[in-house]
Amino acid sequence: MKKVGIITIYDENNYGNRLQNYAVQEVIKSLGFEAETIKNTNIVNGENYLERVEKIDFRRREKFLKFNEDYMSNTDEVIFHNEVSKDFHEKYDYFVIGSDQIWNYNFEDRFSEFAFAKFAPQYKRIALSASFGISEVPKEDHVAYKGLEEMKAISVREFAGAKLVKEITGRDDALVVLDPTMMLPVEKWISIMKKPKQLKNDKYILKYFLGNVSDEKEKEIEKFAKEHGCDIVDVLDEDSFYATGPSEFLYLVKNAFLVLTDSFHSCVFSILFEKPFLIFERDQERMSNMYSRIDTLLQIFQLEGRKFEGKIKEQQMSIDYSNIKDILKTEREKEITFLKEALEIKE
């Protein structure tokens, strides 16, 4: 059986990262390949990213490690920067690069030329729903993407990503596809979800913000929750739900009364589970140009009205999901066709 090495951001502390990595693995396996994720990281100021993650609350890390143990096929060795042997590429028949923000050069502790598999022959290098996570790259920084033009096949997660590929390389063949998490049927996600032990009330608003939330927004959330008899579940609250792993996160999205978030993958799973959700734009300047991936998602699924605009409105609790299955079917077929051609699968 041929073997695929998955190159992605390797993060043991991020829900979207672990779940997209799992999805890539399962999609590749469904096409008849072995799939193995290559752990990789950078050393910044004498410390690598995975060592830093080890210092987080162990209750939370334990859940992520358990998820990896139960569902992921990972290499034992860790690749630092681009330090691979000359024959490393011979371990795999292909390398699938993506998804997540694998090409975001602002992540100095996770971005390197390893993200382009330059150590491997061109015919082995395939980008699957790779993300820049940003909408612009100054011309003087294009050098960071040396090797992008040599990829065998490129698919990206955002329209802005396809535009960037053309600007940087001149290539106009970058295909915009779904995030891999949307390639798996809902039943697959339900099969690996777990109810958090600390969840006491089944009626709750799920709150997941990676950026800061103003006092004014917090008050609006609390007001809406009180009016509807909901608890507020904040998965980043260290005193309550911080020890929540990827499987528990899936449960919380699936069973929420409402999802409030600035997270891309919270939006993805809200759509898959057909839940009401609202998106809050991040306030930090550094994060402001990372919104393109959510814009693309909303555009593809015709859900442009999901942005929070100061108030949580009752009409926003009702979403027309009638077209979602048809859109998913079309987009999934496009992505599978791309992969089959790139992996040279003959019918």
C-alpha atoms as a PDB file:
ATOM      1  CA  MET A   1       0.000   0.000   0.000  1.00  0.00           C
ATOM      2  CA  LYS A   2       1.341   3.439  -0.906  1.00  0.00           C
ATOM      3  CA  LYS A   3       2.044   5.840   1.925  1.00  0.00           C
ATOM      4  CA  VAL A   4       1.333   9.555   2.290  1.00  0.00           C
ATOM      5  CA  GLY A   5       3.164  11.839   4.702  1.00  0.00           C
ATOM      6  CA  ILE A   6       0.968  14.681   5.980  1.00  0.00           C
ATOM      7  CA  ILE A   7       2.721  18.005   6.545  1.00  0.00           C
ATOM      8  CA  THR A   8       0.696  20.481   8.569  1.00  0.00           C
ATOM      9  CA  ILE A   9       1.068  22.753  11.551  1.00  0.00           C
ATOM     10  CA  TYR A  10       1.493  20.266  14.358  1.00  0.00           C
ATOM     11  CA  ASP A  11      -0.305  21.716  17.364  1.00  0.00           C
ATOM     12  CA  GLU A  12      -1.304  19.758  20.473  1.00  0.00           C
ATOM     13  CA  ASN A  13      -3.344  22.613  21.906  1.00  0.00           C
ATOM     14  CA  ASN A  14      -5.743  23.743  19.159  1.00  0.00           C
ATOM     15  CA  TYR A  15      -9.110  22.186  18.297  1.00  0.00           C
ATOM     16  CA  GLY A  16      -9.229  23.162  14.640  1.00  0.00           C
ATOM     17  CA  ASN A  17      -5.683  21.975  14.083  1.00  0.00           C
ATOM     18  CA  ARG A  18      -6.227  18.514  15.540  1.00  0.00           C
ATOM     19  CA  LEU A  19      -9.588  18.058  13.821  1.00  0.00           C
ATOM     20  CA  GLN A  20      -8.406  19.180  10.368  1.00  0.00           C
ATOM     21  CA  ASN A  21      -5.354  16.922  10.726  1.00  0.00           C
ATOM     22  CA  TYR A  22      -7.627  13.993  11.554  1.00  0.00           C
ATOM     23  CA  ALA A  23      -9.834  14.828   8.572  1.00  0.00           C
ATOM     24  CA  VAL A  24      -6.901  14.928   6.114  1.00  0.00           C
ATOM     25  CA  GLN A  25      -5.746  11.581   7.452  1.00  0.00           C
ATOM     26  CA  GLU A  26      -9.176   9.978   7.064  1.00  0.00           C
ATOM     27  CA  VAL A  27      -9.749  11.356   3.545  1.00  0.00           C
ATOM     28  CA  ILE A  28      -6.392  10.003   2.371  1.00  0.00           C
ATOM     29  CA  LYS A  29      -7.088   6.615   3.972  1.00  0.00           C
ATOM     30  CA  SER A  30     -10.475   6.489   2.242  1.00  0.00           C
ATOM     31  CA  LEU A  31      -8.621   6.672  -1.085  1.00  0.00           C
ATOM     32  CA  GLY A  32      -6.626   3.546  -0.312  1.00  0.00           C
ATOM     33  CA  PHE A  33      -3.399   4.982   1.136  1.00  0.00           C
ATOM     34  CA  GLU A  34      -1.624   4.727   4.447  1.00  0.00           C
ATOM     35  CA  ALA A  35      -1.458   8.155   6.058  1.00  0.00           C
ATOM     36  CA  GLU A  36       1.008   9.407   8.659  1.00  0.00           C
ATOM     37  CA  THR A  37       1.381  12.899  10.099  1.00  0.00           C
ATOM     38  CA  ILE A  38       4.926  14.231  10.318  1.00  0.00           C
ATOM     39  CA  LYS A  39       5.524  16.138  13.554  1.00  0.00           C
ATOM     40  CA  ASN A  40       7.427  19.319  12.794  1.00  0.00           C
ATOM     41  CA  THR A  41       8.261  22.500  14.678  1.00  0.00           C
ATOM     42  CA  ASN A  42      10.732  25.362  14.836  1.00  0.00           C
ATOM     43  CA  ILE A  43      13.111  26.535  17.541  1.00  0.00           C
ATOM     44  CA  VAL A  44      12.626  30.182  18.495  1.00  0.00           C
ATOM     45  CA  ASN A  45      14.629  31.760  21.321  1.00  0.00           C
ATOM     46  CA  GLY A  46      15.954  28.373  22.342  1.00  0.00           C
ATOM     47  CA  GLU A  47      12.529  26.732  22.704  1.00  0.00           C
ATOM     48  CA  ASN A  48      10.424  24.769  20.241  1.00  0.00           C
ATOM     49  CA  TYR A  49       6.659  25.098  19.987  1.00  0.00           C
ATOM     50  CA  LEU A  50       5.877  21.576  21.216  1.00  0.00           C
ATOM     51  CA  GLU A  51       7.973  22.088  24.355  1.00  0.00           C
ATOM     52  CA  ARG A  52       6.044  25.276  25.065  1.00  0.00           C
ATOM     53  CA  VAL A  53       2.739  23.449  24.688  1.00  0.00           C
ATOM     54  CA  GLU A  54       3.876  20.933  27.291  1.00  0.00           C
ATOM     55  CA  LYS A  55       3.742  23.724  29.893  1.00  0.00           C
ATOM     56  CA  ILE A  56      -0.006  24.276  29.552  1.00  0.00           C
ATOM     57  CA  ASP A  57      -2.590  22.980  31.995  1.00  0.00           C
ATOM     58  CA  PHE A  58      -2.024  19.223  32.006  1.00  0.00           C
ATOM     59  CA  ARG A  59      -5.750  18.495  32.317  1.00  0.00           C
ATOM     60  CA  ARG A  60      -6.250  20.016  28.871  1.00  0.00           C
ATOM     61  CA  ARG A  61      -3.105  18.557  27.329  1.00  0.00           C
ATOM     62  CA  GLU A  62      -4.094  15.110  28.556  1.00  0.00           C
ATOM     63  CA  LYS A  63      -7.270  15.313  26.443  1.00  0.00           C
ATOM     64  CA  PHE A  64      -5.315  16.312  23.334  1.00  0.00           C
ATOM     65  CA  LEU A  65      -2.780  13.524  23.830  1.00  0.00           C
ATOM     66  CA  LYS A  66      -5.643  11.067  24.304  1.00  0.00           C
ATOM     67  CA  PHE A  67      -7.186  12.236  21.031  1.00  0.00           C
ATOM     68  CA  ASN A  68      -3.878  11.674  19.242  1.00  0.00           C
ATOM     69  CA  GLU A  69      -3.524   8.235  20.812  1.00  0.00           C
ATOM     70  CA  ASP A  70      -7.047   7.162  19.872  1.00  0.00           C
ATOM     71  CA  TYR A  71      -7.389   8.599  16.385  1.00  0.00           C
ATOM     72  CA  MET A  72      -4.107   9.798  14.886  1.00  0.00           C
ATOM     73  CA  SER A  73      -1.265   8.039  13.101  1.00  0.00           C
ATOM     74  CA  ASN A  74       1.818  10.186  13.760  1.00  0.00           C
ATOM     75  CA  THR A  75       5.549   9.776  13.314  1.00  0.00           C
ATOM     76  CA  ASP A  76       7.535   9.295  16.503  1.00  0.00           C
ATOM     77  CA  GLU A  77      10.379  11.585  15.467  1.00  0.00           C
ATOM     78  CA  VAL A  78      10.078  15.382  15.383  1.00  0.00           C
ATOM     79  CA  ILE A  79      11.419  17.407  12.453  1.00  0.00           C
ATOM     80  CA  PHE A  80      13.023  20.692  13.523  1.00  0.00           C
ATOM     81  CA  HIS A  81      13.048  23.412  10.867  1.00  0.00           C
ATOM     82  CA  ASN A  82      14.001  21.638   7.647  1.00  0.00           C
ATOM     83  CA  GLU A  83      16.481  19.198   9.128  1.00  0.00           C
ATOM     84  CA  VAL A  84      15.742  15.996   7.210  1.00  0.00           C
ATOM     85  CA  SER A  85      18.088  13.428   5.737  1.00  0.00           C
ATOM     86  CA  LYS A  86      18.640  13.275   1.992  1.00  0.00           C
ATOM     87  CA  ASP A  87      16.664  10.056   1.760  1.00  0.00           C
ATOM     88  CA  PHE A  88      13.801  11.164   4.048  1.00  0.00           C
ATOM     89  CA  HIS A  89      11.419  11.552   1.117  1.00  0.00           C
ATOM     90  CA  GLU A  90      11.843   7.873   0.272  1.00  0.00           C
ATOM     91  CA  LYS A  91       9.732   6.938   3.291  1.00  0.00           C
ATOM     92  CA  TYR A  92       6.647   8.252   1.518  1.00  0.00           C
ATOM     93  CA  ASP A  93       5.153   8.010  -1.961  1.00  0.00           C
ATOM     94  CA  TYR A  94       3.555  11.462  -1.651  1.00  0.00           C
ATOM     95  CA  PHE A  95       3.463  14.412   0.737  1.00  0.00           C
ATOM     96  CA  VAL A  96       0.133  16.172   1.328  1.00  0.00           C
ATOM     97  CA  ILE A  97       0.648  19.674   2.684  1.00  0.00           C
ATOM     98  CA  GLY A  98      -2.221  21.243   4.587  1.00  0.00           C
ATOM     99  CA  SER A  99      -4.601  22.250   5.822  1.00  0.00           C
ATOM    100  CA  ASP A 100      -4.635  24.941   8.515  1.00  0.00           C
ATOM    101  CA  GLN A 101      -2.485  28.074   8.228  1.00  0.00           C
ATOM    102  CA  ILE A 102       0.538  26.097   7.061  1.00  0.00           C
ATOM    103  CA  TRP A 103       1.637  29.021   4.823  1.00  0.00           C
ATOM    104  CA  ASN A 104       1.214  31.870   7.324  1.00  0.00           C
ATOM    105  CA  TYR A 105       4.732  33.308   7.522  1.00  0.00           C
ATOM    106  CA  ASN A 106       3.777  35.334  10.605  1.00  0.00           C
ATOM    107  CA  PHE A 107       3.934  32.105  12.640  1.00  0.00           C
ATOM    108  CA  GLU A 108       7.693  32.142  13.093  1.00  0.00           C
ATOM    109  CA  ASP A 109       7.600  29.211  15.512  1.00  0.00           C
ATOM    110  CA  ARG A 110       5.742  27.023  13.021  1.00  0.00           C
ATOM    111  CA  PHE A 111       6.510  28.283   9.523  1.00  0.00           C
ATOM    112  CA  SER A 112       9.559  27.143   7.546  1.00  0.00           C
ATOM    113  CA  GLU A 113      10.452  25.850   4.085  1.00  0.00           C
ATOM    114  CA  PHE A 114       9.397  22.425   5.374  1.00  0.00           C
ATOM    115  CA  ALA A 115       5.880  23.654   4.559  1.00  0.00           C
ATOM    116  CA  PHE A 116       6.705  23.254   0.856  1.00  0.00           C
ATOM    117  CA  ALA A 117       8.393  19.821   1.106  1.00  0.00           C
ATOM    118  CA  LYS A 118      11.375  21.126  -0.860  1.00  0.00           C
ATOM    119  CA  PHE A 119      13.318  18.053   0.227  1.00  0.00           C
ATOM    120  CA  ALA A 120      11.084  15.870  -1.986  1.00  0.00           C
ATOM    121  CA  PRO A 121      10.776  15.529  -5.768  1.00  0.00           C
ATOM    122  CA  GLN A 122       8.132  17.775  -7.299  1.00  0.00           C
ATOM    123  CA  TYR A 123       5.831  14.895  -8.265  1.00  0.00           C
ATOM    124  CA  LYS A 124       5.393  14.019  -4.583  1.00  0.00           C
ATOM    125  CA  ARG A 125       4.351  17.497  -3.387  1.00  0.00           C
ATOM    126  CA  ILE A 126       0.606  18.191  -3.132  1.00  0.00           C
ATOM    127  CA  ALA A 127      -1.090  21.055  -1.277  1.00  0.00           C
ATOM    128  CA  LEU A 128      -4.530  20.170   0.100  1.00  0.00           C
ATOM    129  CA  SER A 129      -6.642  23.110   1.239  1.00  0.00           C
ATOM    130  CA  ALA A 130      -3.492  24.887   2.391  1.00  0.00           C
ATOM    131  CA  SER A 131      -4.052  28.253   4.024  1.00  0.00           C
ATOM    132  CA  PHE A 132      -2.015  31.450   4.149  1.00  0.00           C
ATOM    133  CA  GLY A 133      -4.302  32.716   6.916  1.00  0.00           C
ATOM    134  CA  ILE A 134      -3.639  36.235   5.605  1.00  0.00           C
ATOM    135  CA  SER A 135      -4.895  38.101   2.561  1.00  0.00           C
ATOM    136  CA  GLU A 136      -1.704  39.977   1.638  1.00  0.00           C
ATOM    137  CA  VAL A 137       2.026  39.224   1.453  1.00  0.00           C
ATOM    138  CA  PRO A 138       4.285  42.232   0.707  1.00  0.00           C
ATOM    139  CA  LYS A 139       6.436  41.704  -2.379  1.00  0.00           C
ATOM    140  CA  GLU A 140       9.635  41.839  -0.354  1.00  0.00           C
ATOM    141  CA  ASP A 141       8.394  38.838   1.651  1.00  0.00           C
ATOM    142  CA  HIS A 142       7.645  36.642  -1.373  1.00  0.00           C
ATOM    143  CA  VAL A 143      11.077  35.079  -0.834  1.00  0.00           C
ATOM    144  CA  ALA A 144       9.595  33.242   2.159  1.00  0.00           C
ATOM    145  CA  TYR A 145       7.525  31.234  -0.309  1.00  0.00           C
ATOM    146  CA  LYS A 146      10.384  30.018  -2.463  1.00  0.00           C
ATOM    147  CA  GLY A 147       9.444  26.507  -3.525  1.00  0.00           C
ATOM    148  CA  LEU A 148       5.715  27.193  -3.799  1.00  0.00           C
ATOM    149  CA  GLU A 149       5.988  27.395  -7.584  1.00  0.00           C
ATOM    150  CA  GLU A 150       7.473  23.882  -7.675  1.00  0.00           C
ATOM    151  CA  MET A 151       4.459  22.124  -6.149  1.00  0.00           C
ATOM    152  CA  LYS A 152       2.908  19.388  -8.265  1.00  0.00           C
ATOM    153  CA  ALA A 153      -0.658  20.440  -7.446  1.00  0.00           C
ATOM    154  CA  ILE A 154      -2.073  23.232  -5.309  1.00  0.00           C
ATOM    155  CA  SER A 155      -5.444  23.587  -3.636  1.00  0.00           C
ATOM    156  CA  VAL A 156      -6.117  26.311  -1.067  1.00  0.00           C
ATOM    157  CA  ARG A 157      -8.770  27.110   1.507  1.00  0.00           C
ATOM    158  CA  GLU A 158      -9.540  30.718   0.589  1.00  0.00           C
ATOM    159  CA  PHE A 159     -10.138  32.806  -2.518  1.00  0.00           C
ATOM    160  CA  ALA A 160      -7.480  35.158  -1.148  1.00  0.00           C
ATOM    161  CA  GLY A 161      -5.106  32.195  -1.062  1.00  0.00           C
ATOM    162  CA  ALA A 162      -5.580  31.443  -4.749  1.00  0.00           C
ATOM    163  CA  LYS A 163      -4.919  35.120  -5.476  1.00  0.00           C
ATOM    164  CA  LEU A 164      -1.717  35.017  -3.418  1.00  0.00           C
ATOM    165  CA  VAL A 165      -0.461  31.905  -5.218  1.00  0.00           C
ATOM    166  CA  LYS A 166      -0.847  33.738  -8.525  1.00  0.00           C
ATOM    167  CA  GLU A 167       0.831  36.906  -7.219  1.00  0.00           C
ATOM    168  CA  ILE A 168       3.788  35.007  -5.762  1.00  0.00           C
ATOM    169  CA  THR A 169       4.326  32.344  -8.432  1.00  0.00           C
ATOM    170  CA  GLY A 170       2.363  33.391 -11.508  1.00  0.00           C
ATOM    171  CA  ARG A 171       0.429  30.118 -11.313  1.00  0.00           C
ATOM    172  CA  ASP A 172      -3.306  30.391 -11.873  1.00  0.00           C
ATOM    173  CA  ASP A 173      -4.122  26.733 -11.206  1.00  0.00           C
ATOM    174  CA  ALA A 174      -4.655  26.923  -7.422  1.00  0.00           C
ATOM    175  CA  LEU A 175      -8.077  25.402  -6.754  1.00  0.00           C
ATOM    176  CA  VAL A 176     -10.213  26.724  -3.888  1.00  0.00           C
ATOM    177  CA  VAL A 177     -11.609  23.781  -1.920  1.00  0.00           C
ATOM    178  CA  LEU A 178     -13.275  23.033   1.412  1.00  0.00           C
ATOM    179  CA  ASP A 179     -11.443  22.778   4.668  1.00  0.00           C
ATOM    180  CA  PRO A 180     -10.811  19.017   5.102  1.00  0.00           C
ATOM    181  CA  THR A 181     -13.059  18.888   8.175  1.00  0.00           C
ATOM    182  CA  MET A 182     -16.008  19.406   5.821  1.00  0.00           C
ATOM    183  CA  MET A 183     -15.003  16.404   3.718  1.00  0.00           C
ATOM    184  CA  LEU A 184     -16.081  13.927   6.392  1.00  0.00           C
ATOM    185  CA  PRO A 185     -19.760  13.048   6.889  1.00  0.00           C
ATOM    186  CA  VAL A 186     -21.420  14.287  10.071  1.00  0.00           C
ATOM    187  CA  GLU A 187     -21.805  10.693  11.269  1.00  0.00           C
ATOM    188  CA  LYS A 188     -18.023  10.329  11.337  1.00  0.00           C
ATOM    189  CA  TRP A 189     -17.681  13.323  13.648  1.00  0.00           C
ATOM    190  CA  ILE A 190     -20.511  12.141  15.892  1.00  0.00           C
ATOM    191  CA  SER A 191     -18.755   8.778  16.270  1.00  0.00           C
ATOM    192  CA  ILE A 192     -15.708  10.397  17.936  1.00  0.00           C
ATOM    193  CA  MET A 193     -17.397  13.044  20.087  1.00  0.00           C
ATOM    194  CA  LYS A 194     -17.614  12.833  23.874  1.00  0.00           C
ATOM    195  CA  LYS A 195     -19.778  14.698  26.375  1.00  0.00           C
ATOM    196  CA  PRO A 196     -17.659  16.793  28.773  1.00  0.00           C
ATOM    197  CA  LYS A 197     -18.011  15.601  32.348  1.00  0.00           C
ATOM    198  CA  GLN A 198     -18.238  19.173  33.635  1.00  0.00           C
ATOM    199  CA  LEU A 199     -21.317  19.987  31.487  1.00  0.00           C
ATOM    200  CA  LYS A 200     -24.262  20.238  33.915  1.00  0.00           C
ATOM    201  CA  ASN A 201     -26.892  22.120  31.914  1.00  0.00           C
ATOM    202  CA  ASP A 202     -27.844  20.857  28.456  1.00  0.00           C
ATOM    203  CA  LYS A 203     -29.050  24.314  27.415  1.00  0.00           C
ATOM    204  CA  TYR A 204     -26.001  26.488  26.886  1.00  0.00           C
ATOM    205  CA  ILE A 205     -24.376  29.051  24.628  1.00  0.00           C
ATOM    206  CA  LEU A 206     -20.947  27.959  23.452  1.00  0.00           C
ATOM    207  CA  LYS A 207     -18.430  30.752  23.552  1.00  0.00           C
ATOM    208  CA  TYR A 208     -15.057  30.304  21.860  1.00  0.00           C
ATOM    209  CA  PHE A 209     -12.960  33.401  21.201  1.00  0.00           C
ATOM    210  CA  LEU A 210      -9.279  33.326  20.275  1.00  0.00           C
ATOM    211  CA  GLY A 211      -9.156  37.118  20.259  1.00  0.00           C
ATOM    212  CA  ASN A 212     -10.193  39.613  22.941  1.00  0.00           C
ATOM    213  CA  VAL A 213     -13.852  40.349  23.610  1.00  0.00           C
ATOM    214  CA  SER A 214     -14.873  43.830  24.743  1.00  0.00           C
ATOM    215  CA  ASP A 215     -16.887  44.407  27.916  1.00  0.00           C
ATOM    216  CA  GLU A 216     -19.752  45.659  25.779  1.00  0.00           C
ATOM    217  CA  LYS A 217     -19.881  42.397  23.811  1.00  0.00           C
ATOM    218  CA  GLU A 218     -19.629  40.353  27.008  1.00  0.00           C
ATOM    219  CA  LYS A 219     -22.621  42.180  28.455  1.00  0.00           C
ATOM    220  CA  GLU A 220     -24.667  41.489  25.323  1.00  0.00           C
ATOM    221  CA  ILE A 221     -23.802  37.784  25.503  1.00  0.00           C
ATOM    222  CA  GLU A 222     -24.713  37.587  29.197  1.00  0.00           C
ATOM    223  CA  LYS A 223     -27.980  39.441  28.583  1.00  0.00           C
ATOM    224  CA  PHE A 224     -29.016  37.093  25.764  1.00  0.00           C
ATOM    225  CA  ALA A 225     -28.081  33.998  27.790  1.00  0.00           C
ATOM    226  CA  LYS A 226     -30.145  35.170  30.777  1.00  0.00           C
ATOM    227  CA  GLU A 227     -33.173  35.931  28.600  1.00  0.00           C
ATOM    228  CA  HIS A 228     -33.088  32.390  27.183  1.00  0.00           C
ATOM    229  CA  GLY A 229     -32.217  30.488  30.339  1.00  0.00           C
ATOM    230  CA  CYS A 230     -28.828  29.390  29.043  1.00  0.00           C
ATOM    231  CA  ASP A 231     -25.548  28.736  30.746  1.00  0.00           C
ATOM    232  CA  ILE A 232     -22.454  30.120  29.045  1.00  0.00           C
ATOM    233  CA  VAL A 233     -19.806  27.533  28.228  1.00  0.00           C
ATOM    234  CA  ASP A 234     -16.426  29.135  27.574  1.00  0.00           C
ATOM    235  CA  VAL A 235     -13.866  26.519  26.513  1.00  0.00           C
ATOM    236  CA  LEU A 236     -11.026  28.893  27.353  1.00  0.00           C
ATOM    237  CA  ASP A 237     -12.195  29.504  30.919  1.00  0.00           C
ATOM    238  CA  GLU A 238      -9.440  27.955  33.032  1.00  0.00           C
ATOM    239  CA  ASP A 239     -11.814  27.469  35.975  1.00  0.00           C
ATOM    240  CA  SER A 240     -14.400  25.419  34.102  1.00  0.00           C
ATOM    241  CA  PHE A 241     -14.073  24.100  30.535  1.00  0.00           C
ATOM    242  CA  TYR A 242     -10.405  24.669  29.737  1.00  0.00           C
ATOM    243  CA  ALA A 243      -9.758  20.937  30.162  1.00  0.00           C
ATOM    244  CA  THR A 244     -11.771  20.222  27.030  1.00  0.00           C
ATOM    245  CA  GLY A 245     -10.291  18.097  24.246  1.00  0.00           C
ATOM    246  CA  PRO A 246     -11.143  17.892  20.529  1.00  0.00           C
ATOM    247  CA  SER A 247     -13.768  15.154  21.036  1.00  0.00           C
ATOM    248  CA  GLU A 248     -15.496  17.161  23.774  1.00  0.00           C
ATOM    249  CA  PHE A 249     -15.311  20.300  21.646  1.00  0.00           C
ATOM    250  CA  LEU A 250     -17.269  18.522  18.905  1.00  0.00           C
ATOM    251  CA  TYR A 251     -19.971  17.612  21.413  1.00  0.00           C
ATOM    252  CA  LEU A 252     -20.217  21.170  22.666  1.00  0.00           C
ATOM    253  CA  VAL A 253     -20.752  22.557  19.160  1.00  0.00           C
ATOM    254  CA  LYS A 254     -23.201  19.797  18.179  1.00  0.00           C
ATOM    255  CA  ASN A 255     -25.447  20.367  21.216  1.00  0.00           C
ATOM    256  CA  ALA A 256     -25.191  24.138  21.705  1.00  0.00           C
ATOM    257  CA  PHE A 257     -28.222  26.423  21.742  1.00  0.00           C
ATOM    258  CA  LEU A 258     -26.065  29.017  19.998  1.00  0.00           C
ATOM    259  CA  VAL A 259     -22.377  29.230  19.032  1.00  0.00           C
ATOM    260  CA  LEU A 260     -20.589  32.570  19.426  1.00  0.00           C
ATOM    261  CA  THR A 261     -17.073  32.662  18.039  1.00  0.00           C
ATOM    262  CA  ASP A 262     -14.238  34.272  16.100  1.00  0.00           C
ATOM    263  CA  SER A 263     -12.834  30.833  15.262  1.00  0.00           C
ATOM    264  CA  PHE A 264     -12.912  29.458  11.712  1.00  0.00           C
ATOM    265  CA  HIS A 265     -13.419  25.849  12.744  1.00  0.00           C
ATOM    266  CA  SER A 266     -16.193  26.723  15.174  1.00  0.00           C
ATOM    267  CA  CYS A 267     -18.001  28.135  12.139  1.00  0.00           C
ATOM    268  CA  VAL A 268     -17.214  25.007  10.107  1.00  0.00           C
ATOM    269  CA  PHE A 269     -18.676  22.621  12.670  1.00  0.00           C
ATOM    270  CA  SER A 270     -21.659  24.889  13.311  1.00  0.00           C
ATOM    271  CA  ILE A 271     -22.464  24.557   9.597  1.00  0.00           C
ATOM    272  CA  LEU A 272     -21.895  20.789   9.550  1.00  0.00           C
ATOM    273  CA  PHE A 273     -24.127  20.324  12.602  1.00  0.00           C
ATOM    274  CA  GLU A 274     -26.612  22.932  11.304  1.00  0.00           C
ATOM    275  CA  LYS A 275     -26.443  25.069  14.447  1.00  0.00           C
ATOM    276  CA  PRO A 276     -27.175  28.788  14.821  1.00  0.00           C
ATOM    277  CA  PHE A 277     -23.906  30.712  15.104  1.00  0.00           C
ATOM    278  CA  LEU A 278     -22.581  34.263  15.069  1.00  0.00           C
ATOM    279  CA  ILE A 279     -19.099  35.420  14.103  1.00  0.00           C
ATOM    280  CA  PHE A 280     -17.285  38.156  15.998  1.00  0.00           C
ATOM    281  CA  GLU A 281     -14.440  39.924  14.217  1.00  0.00           C
ATOM    282  CA  ARG A 282     -11.200  39.971  16.163  1.00  0.00           C
ATOM    283  CA  ASP A 283     -10.160  43.340  17.500  1.00  0.00           C
ATOM    284  CA  GLN A 284      -6.384  42.870  17.369  1.00  0.00           C
ATOM    285  CA  GLU A 285      -4.668  44.520  14.429  1.00  0.00           C
ATOM    286  CA  ARG A 286      -2.474  41.439  13.976  1.00  0.00           C
ATOM    287  CA  MET A 287      -5.553  39.295  13.439  1.00  0.00           C
ATOM    288  CA  SER A 288      -7.506  41.695  11.236  1.00  0.00           C
ATOM    289  CA  ASN A 289      -6.386  40.280   7.891  1.00  0.00           C
ATOM    290  CA  MET A 290      -7.026  36.658   8.902  1.00  0.00           C
ATOM    291  CA  TYR A 291     -10.757  37.014   8.231  1.00  0.00           C
ATOM    292  CA  SER A 292     -10.572  35.964   4.555  1.00  0.00           C
ATOM    293  CA  ARG A 293     -10.962  32.272   5.381  1.00  0.00           C
ATOM    294  CA  ILE A 294     -14.270  32.929   7.156  1.00  0.00           C
ATOM    295  CA  ASP A 295     -15.437  35.177   4.327  1.00  0.00           C
ATOM    296  CA  THR A 296     -14.752  32.382   1.833  1.00  0.00           C
ATOM    297  CA  LEU A 297     -16.606  29.869   4.003  1.00  0.00           C
ATOM    298  CA  LEU A 298     -19.668  32.108   4.312  1.00  0.00           C
ATOM    299  CA  GLN A 299     -19.649  32.881   0.599  1.00  0.00           C
ATOM    300  CA  ILE A 300     -19.497  29.227  -0.450  1.00  0.00           C
ATOM    301  CA  PHE A 301     -22.403  28.291   1.828  1.00  0.00           C
ATOM    302  CA  GLN A 302     -24.402  31.471   1.223  1.00  0.00           C
ATOM    303  CA  LEU A 303     -24.369  32.426   4.900  1.00  0.00           C
ATOM    304  CA  GLU A 304     -23.069  35.983   4.703  1.00  0.00           C
ATOM    305  CA  GLY A 305     -25.521  37.200   7.374  1.00  0.00           C
ATOM    306  CA  ARG A 306     -23.807  35.455  10.280  1.00  0.00           C
ATOM    307  CA  LYS A 307     -21.697  38.363  11.506  1.00  0.00           C
ATOM    308  CA  PHE A 308     -22.302  39.914  14.922  1.00  0.00           C
ATOM    309  CA  GLU A 309     -23.206  43.592  14.598  1.00  0.00           C
ATOM    310  CA  GLY A 310     -23.587  44.755  18.186  1.00  0.00           C
ATOM    311  CA  LYS A 311     -26.725  42.806  19.144  1.00  0.00           C
ATOM    312  CA  ILE A 312     -27.755  39.149  19.126  1.00  0.00           C
ATOM    313  CA  LYS A 313     -31.041  39.198  17.251  1.00  0.00           C
ATOM    314  CA  GLU A 314     -33.798  36.612  17.607  1.00  0.00           C
ATOM    315  CA  GLN A 315     -34.055  36.163  13.836  1.00  0.00           C
ATOM    316  CA  GLN A 316     -30.406  35.122  13.777  1.00  0.00           C
ATOM    317  CA  MET A 317     -31.355  31.992  15.726  1.00  0.00           C
ATOM    318  CA  SER A 318     -32.996  30.649  12.591  1.00  0.00           C
ATOM    319  CA  ILE A 319     -30.736  29.653   9.672  1.00  0.00           C
ATOM    320  CA  ASP A 320     -31.877  28.193   6.357  1.00  0.00           C
ATOM    321  CA  TYR A 321     -29.645  25.148   5.938  1.00  0.00           C
ATOM    322  CA  SER A 322     -31.733  23.624   3.134  1.00  0.00           C
ATOM    323  CA  ASN A 323     -28.997  24.091   0.509  1.00  0.00           C
ATOM    324  CA  ILE A 324     -26.082  22.921   2.656  1.00  0.00           C
ATOM    325  CA  LYS A 325     -26.173  19.244   1.683  1.00  0.00           C
ATOM    326  CA  ASP A 326     -26.195  20.054  -2.053  1.00  0.00           C
ATOM    327  CA  ILE A 327     -23.319  22.510  -1.692  1.00  0.00           C
ATOM    328  CA  LEU A 328     -21.341  20.020   0.393  1.00  0.00           C
ATOM    329  CA  LYS A 329     -21.896  17.282  -2.182  1.00  0.00           C
ATOM    330  CA  THR A 330     -20.643  19.472  -5.044  1.00  0.00           C
ATOM    331  CA  GLU A 331     -17.629  20.807  -3.141  1.00  0.00           C
ATOM    332  CA  ARG A 332     -16.653  17.381  -1.814  1.00  0.00           C
ATOM    333  CA  GLU A 333     -16.722  15.889  -5.301  1.00  0.00           C
ATOM    334  CA  LYS A 334     -14.486  18.710  -6.573  1.00  0.00           C
ATOM    335  CA  GLU A 335     -11.955  18.126  -3.799  1.00  0.00           C
ATOM    336  CA  ILE A 336     -11.888  14.341  -4.235  1.00  0.00           C
ATOM    337  CA  THR A 337     -11.369  14.769  -7.984  1.00  0.00           C
ATOM    338  CA  PHE A 338      -8.422  17.079  -7.268  1.00  0.00           C
ATOM    339  CA  LEU A 339      -6.874  14.557  -4.863  1.00  0.00           C
ATOM    340  CA  LYS A 340      -7.375  11.581  -7.157  1.00  0.00           C
ATOM    341  CA  GLU A 341      -5.641  13.376 -10.009  1.00  0.00           C
ATOM    342  CA  ALA A 342      -2.791  14.597  -7.786  1.00  0.00           C
ATOM    343  CA  LEU A 343      -2.301  11.154  -6.224  1.00  0.00           C
ATOM    344  CA  GLU A 344      -2.553   9.519  -9.669  1.00  0.00           C
ATOM    345  CA  ILE A 345      -5.444   7.276  -8.702  1.00  0.00           C
ATOM    346  CA  LYS A 346      -6.737   5.402 -11.722  1.00  0.00           C
ATOM    347  CA  GLU A 347     -10.387   4.404 -11.703  1.00  0.00           C
END
